[in-house]
Protein backbone atom coordinates (compact mmCIF):
# COMPACT_ATOMS: atom_id res chain seq x y z
CA MET A 1 -10.20 -45.10 6.74
CA ARG A 2 -8.42 -44.79 9.91
CA ARG A 3 -7.43 -41.47 11.03
CA THR A 4 -3.50 -41.47 12.74
CA GLY A 5 -2.24 -39.23 15.06
CA GLN A 6 -5.28 -37.25 15.77
CA THR A 7 -6.24 -35.09 19.00
CA LEU A 8 -9.98 -36.48 20.12
CA ILE A 9 -12.02 -34.62 22.54
CA PHE A 10 -14.53 -36.46 24.41
CA ASP A 11 -17.87 -35.48 25.96
CA ALA A 12 -18.86 -37.33 29.13
CA ASP A 13 -22.44 -37.12 30.41
CA ASP A 14 -24.25 -39.62 27.54
CA THR A 15 -21.07 -40.04 26.06
CA LEU A 16 -19.08 -42.15 27.91
CA TRP A 17 -21.71 -42.70 30.88
CA GLU A 18 -25.34 -42.49 31.03
CA ASN A 19 -26.56 -39.61 32.36
CA ASN A 20 -30.19 -37.71 31.22
CA VAL A 21 -31.95 -40.95 31.82
CA PHE A 22 -31.08 -40.71 35.14
CA PHE A 23 -33.18 -37.37 35.31
CA GLU A 24 -35.72 -38.33 32.96
CA ARG A 25 -37.04 -41.33 35.08
CA VAL A 26 -37.09 -38.09 38.10
CA ILE A 27 -39.01 -35.78 35.73
CA ASP A 28 -41.43 -38.85 35.19
CA ASP A 29 -42.28 -39.66 39.11
CA PHE A 30 -42.27 -35.85 39.25
CA LEU A 31 -44.79 -35.96 37.03
CA ASP A 32 -46.97 -38.67 38.27
CA TRP A 33 -46.52 -36.58 41.75
CA ALA A 34 -47.54 -32.90 41.17
CA ALA A 35 -50.59 -33.88 39.33
CA HIS A 36 -52.28 -30.88 38.53
CA PRO A 37 -55.97 -30.46 37.72
CA THR A 38 -55.76 -28.83 34.54
CA LEU A 39 -52.37 -28.87 33.12
CA ASP A 40 -51.30 -32.17 31.39
CA ARG A 41 -47.82 -34.01 31.49
CA VAL A 42 -47.09 -32.17 28.15
CA GLN A 43 -47.93 -28.79 29.72
CA ILE A 44 -46.12 -29.41 33.25
CA ARG A 45 -43.20 -30.80 31.41
CA GLN A 46 -42.74 -27.28 29.08
CA ILE A 47 -42.95 -25.50 32.12
CA LEU A 48 -40.08 -27.50 33.38
CA ASN A 49 -38.05 -27.02 30.04
CA ASP A 50 -39.01 -23.39 30.55
CA ILE A 51 -37.52 -23.09 33.88
CA GLU A 52 -34.38 -25.23 33.26
CA ARG A 53 -33.67 -22.94 29.94
CA ALA A 54 -33.94 -19.51 32.43
CA ASN A 55 -31.79 -21.08 35.53
CA ALA A 56 -29.20 -22.63 33.01
CA VAL A 57 -28.26 -19.54 32.32
CA THR A 58 -27.72 -18.50 35.50
CA HIS A 59 -27.04 -20.89 37.71
CA GLY A 60 -25.68 -23.67 35.18
CA TYR A 61 -26.39 -27.45 35.31
CA GLY A 62 -25.95 -30.09 37.55
CA SER A 63 -28.10 -32.28 40.06
CA ARG A 64 -28.57 -29.00 42.35
CA VAL A 65 -29.78 -27.23 39.52
CA PHE A 66 -31.99 -29.44 38.38
CA LEU A 67 -33.61 -29.60 42.08
CA ARG A 68 -34.21 -26.03 41.96
CA ASN A 69 -36.01 -26.56 38.89
CA LEU A 70 -38.43 -29.07 40.28
CA HIS A 71 -38.93 -26.70 43.18
CA GLU A 72 -39.70 -23.69 41.06
CA THR A 73 -42.04 -26.33 38.66
CA PHE A 74 -43.70 -27.22 41.73
CA GLU A 75 -44.70 -24.03 42.86
CA ARG A 76 -45.27 -22.39 40.27
CA LEU A 77 -47.73 -25.00 39.76
CA GLN A 78 -49.65 -24.81 42.88
CA GLU A 79 -49.21 -21.07 43.01
CA ARG A 80 -47.35 -21.09 46.73
CA PRO A 81 -44.01 -22.08 48.32
CA ALA A 82 -43.86 -25.89 49.21
CA SER A 83 -44.47 -26.96 52.53
CA LEU A 84 -41.30 -28.79 53.97
CA ASP A 85 -42.90 -32.33 53.70
CA GLU A 86 -43.15 -31.28 50.13
CA ARG A 87 -39.71 -29.86 49.55
CA GLU A 88 -38.35 -32.80 51.30
CA ARG A 89 -40.71 -35.52 48.89
CA ILE A 90 -38.97 -33.33 45.71
CA ASP A 91 -35.51 -34.24 46.95
CA ARG A 92 -36.14 -37.41 47.55
CA LEU A 93 -36.95 -38.22 44.21
CA ALA A 94 -33.22 -37.20 43.00
CA ASP A 95 -31.67 -38.93 46.04
CA ARG A 96 -29.48 -41.10 43.05
CA LEU A 97 -28.67 -37.94 40.97
CA VAL A 98 -26.83 -36.48 43.92
CA ARG A 99 -24.90 -39.52 44.88
CA GLY A 100 -23.50 -39.10 41.64
CA GLU A 101 -23.54 -42.51 40.75
CA VAL A 102 -22.04 -43.61 37.37
CA ASP A 103 -22.64 -46.49 34.52
CA LEU A 104 -19.99 -46.35 31.90
CA ILE A 105 -22.00 -46.87 28.04
CA PRO A 106 -21.25 -50.73 26.82
CA GLY A 107 -17.16 -50.91 25.31
CA VAL A 108 -16.34 -47.24 26.53
CA ALA A 109 -12.92 -48.16 28.43
CA ASP A 110 -11.70 -50.78 26.03
CA THR A 111 -12.59 -48.40 23.58
CA LEU A 112 -10.73 -45.10 24.91
CA ALA A 113 -7.80 -48.41 25.82
CA GLU A 114 -7.02 -49.05 21.94
CA LEU A 115 -7.63 -45.16 21.07
CA ALA A 116 -5.01 -44.02 24.05
CA SER A 117 -2.59 -46.26 22.06
CA ARG A 118 -2.40 -43.89 18.81
CA HIS A 119 -4.25 -40.36 19.62
CA GLU A 120 -4.33 -37.93 22.45
CA LEU A 121 -7.60 -38.12 24.36
CA PHE A 122 -8.79 -35.06 26.32
CA LEU A 123 -12.19 -35.30 28.52
CA LEU A 124 -14.31 -31.81 27.96
CA THR A 125 -17.63 -32.00 29.88
CA LYS A 126 -19.78 -28.79 31.42
CA GLY A 127 -21.62 -28.51 34.74
CA ASP A 128 -21.07 -28.13 38.41
CA PRO A 129 -16.95 -28.64 39.17
CA GLU A 130 -17.41 -30.65 42.02
CA GLU A 131 -20.06 -33.01 40.78
CA GLN A 132 -18.27 -33.84 37.04
CA GLN A 133 -14.78 -34.30 38.97
CA ARG A 134 -16.67 -36.43 41.27
CA LYS A 135 -18.21 -38.80 38.18
CA ILE A 136 -14.80 -38.83 36.29
CA ASP A 137 -13.24 -40.28 39.32
CA ALA A 138 -16.06 -42.62 39.74
CA SER A 139 -15.56 -43.84 36.12
CA GLY A 140 -12.15 -44.96 36.72
CA LEU A 141 -11.37 -43.58 32.89
CA SER A 142 -9.35 -40.89 33.64
CA SER A 143 -5.66 -42.48 33.20
CA TRP A 144 -6.55 -42.58 29.55
CA PHE A 145 -6.95 -38.58 29.25
CA ARG A 146 -3.96 -36.04 29.06
CA LYS A 147 -6.19 -33.92 30.67
CA ALA A 148 -9.84 -33.33 31.78
CA HIS A 149 -11.88 -30.08 31.33
CA ILE A 150 -14.96 -28.91 33.42
CA VAL A 151 -16.21 -25.69 31.77
CA ARG A 152 -19.43 -23.81 32.75
CA GLU A 153 -20.47 -23.88 29.30
CA LYS A 154 -19.49 -25.21 25.99
CA ASP A 155 -19.20 -22.81 22.82
CA ALA A 156 -17.12 -22.34 19.74
CA GLU A 157 -14.39 -19.72 22.09
CA VAL A 158 -14.24 -22.69 25.22
CA TYR A 159 -12.72 -25.40 21.98
CA ARG A 160 -10.33 -22.46 20.69
CA ARG A 161 -9.13 -21.48 23.65
CA LEU A 162 -8.65 -25.32 24.77
CA ALA A 163 -6.81 -25.63 21.49
CA ARG A 164 -4.49 -22.76 22.44
CA GLU A 165 -3.73 -23.57 25.27
CA SER A 166 -3.31 -27.32 24.85
CA GLY A 167 -1.07 -26.53 21.49
CA PHE A 168 -3.02 -29.34 19.42
CA ALA A 169 -4.02 -28.28 15.62
CA VAL A 170 -7.78 -27.56 15.22
CA ASP A 171 -7.87 -29.64 11.41
CA ARG A 172 -6.63 -32.59 13.21
CA THR A 173 -9.07 -32.52 16.27
CA TRP A 174 -12.65 -33.97 16.56
CA MET A 175 -15.04 -33.44 19.19
CA ILE A 176 -16.80 -36.79 19.90
CA GLY A 177 -20.18 -36.47 21.47
CA ASN A 178 -24.31 -36.86 21.91
CA SER A 179 -25.17 -32.89 21.82
CA PRO A 180 -25.59 -30.97 18.13
CA LYS A 181 -26.04 -28.22 20.66
CA SER A 182 -22.86 -28.08 22.63
CA ASP A 183 -20.51 -30.63 21.32
CA ILE A 184 -20.96 -30.93 17.25
CA GLY A 185 -21.52 -27.35 16.65
CA PRO A 186 -19.45 -25.15 18.12
CA ALA A 187 -16.24 -27.87 17.52
CA ARG A 188 -17.57 -26.94 13.48
CA ALA A 189 -17.31 -23.19 14.45
CA ALA A 190 -14.00 -23.87 15.98
CA GLY A 191 -12.75 -25.34 13.26
CA MET A 192 -12.58 -29.07 14.44
CA GLY A 193 -13.70 -31.95 13.13
CA ALA A 194 -16.96 -33.73 15.08
CA VAL A 195 -18.03 -36.99 15.75
CA PHE A 196 -21.71 -37.73 16.10
CA ILE A 197 -22.74 -40.45 18.28
CA PRO A 198 -26.94 -40.24 19.25
CA HIS A 199 -28.40 -41.30 22.57
CA GLU A 200 -32.11 -41.98 22.73
CA HIS A 201 -32.16 -39.88 25.95
CA THR A 202 -30.52 -36.43 24.84
CA TRP A 203 -31.18 -33.51 27.02
CA VAL A 204 -34.90 -31.37 25.10
CA LEU A 205 -32.38 -28.47 25.57
CA GLU A 206 -29.18 -29.83 23.98
CA PHE A 207 -30.78 -30.45 20.66
CA ALA A 208 -30.13 -28.47 17.60
CA GLU A 209 -30.24 -28.50 14.11
CA LEU A 210 -27.03 -29.83 12.25
CA ASP A 211 -26.09 -29.51 8.25
CA PRO A 212 -26.45 -32.98 6.50
CA SER A 213 -24.10 -32.08 4.17
CA ASP A 214 -21.14 -31.17 6.62
CA ALA A 215 -18.46 -33.48 5.54
CA GLY A 216 -16.56 -32.42 8.52
CA VAL A 217 -19.09 -34.42 11.09
CA LEU A 218 -18.93 -38.17 11.00
CA THR A 219 -22.31 -40.04 12.31
CA LEU A 220 -21.45 -43.06 14.39
CA GLN A 221 -24.38 -45.30 16.43
CA ARG A 222 -22.35 -46.99 18.69
CA PHE A 223 -19.29 -45.66 20.43
CA THR A 224 -17.35 -48.26 19.75
CA GLU A 225 -17.34 -47.45 16.04
CA LEU A 226 -14.61 -45.19 16.63
CA VAL A 227 -11.65 -47.45 16.49
CA ASP A 228 -12.86 -48.02 13.17
CA HIS A 229 -12.31 -44.30 12.08
CA PHE A 230 -9.75 -43.56 14.14
């Protein structure tokens, strides 16, 4: 049964367009290059994860922070500063990320067009404002959203503030995204419904446990299935 007249808030990265898969490819190339005599790939990746987790708190998200994380990981592995050639090599690995290319997930544009005919749509994404805005502009999707919000972090208070400022009722609002940590959990804590659309390349730092008995969470396998429910 379709819900009508709802407010739908959409995550961007890995919900509307591919994102983390490109970071993962860079990481794979980095691990191939930054071989270590005693640490294997899993151990090196754990060091990178720890550095990413710490830097996210201080520096936020985005390709520039990601490059910083790679440089710090390399220097921790080598126990010395990177040379100019090594720094340039790391920067070249992440060339595509810096360019901010956008590959829409199949069916997203048509699905948003249909949903916008019977619901009010918002976009909520976290990260570097300039970088995220570039991706929004390149996506060609902005016309379907009443407003796009770019925030440093997503927590329950961000969702509550968005509801207050935009004047919509949380009990008729749904957050749609792939991240249990940033999309589903905080939206539920703010009193909204949530639609979880898992993505196989979701960033490891976005994992969190979801309550399987929570009737306020709708799990779908594909973005296009939204039109069957909204």
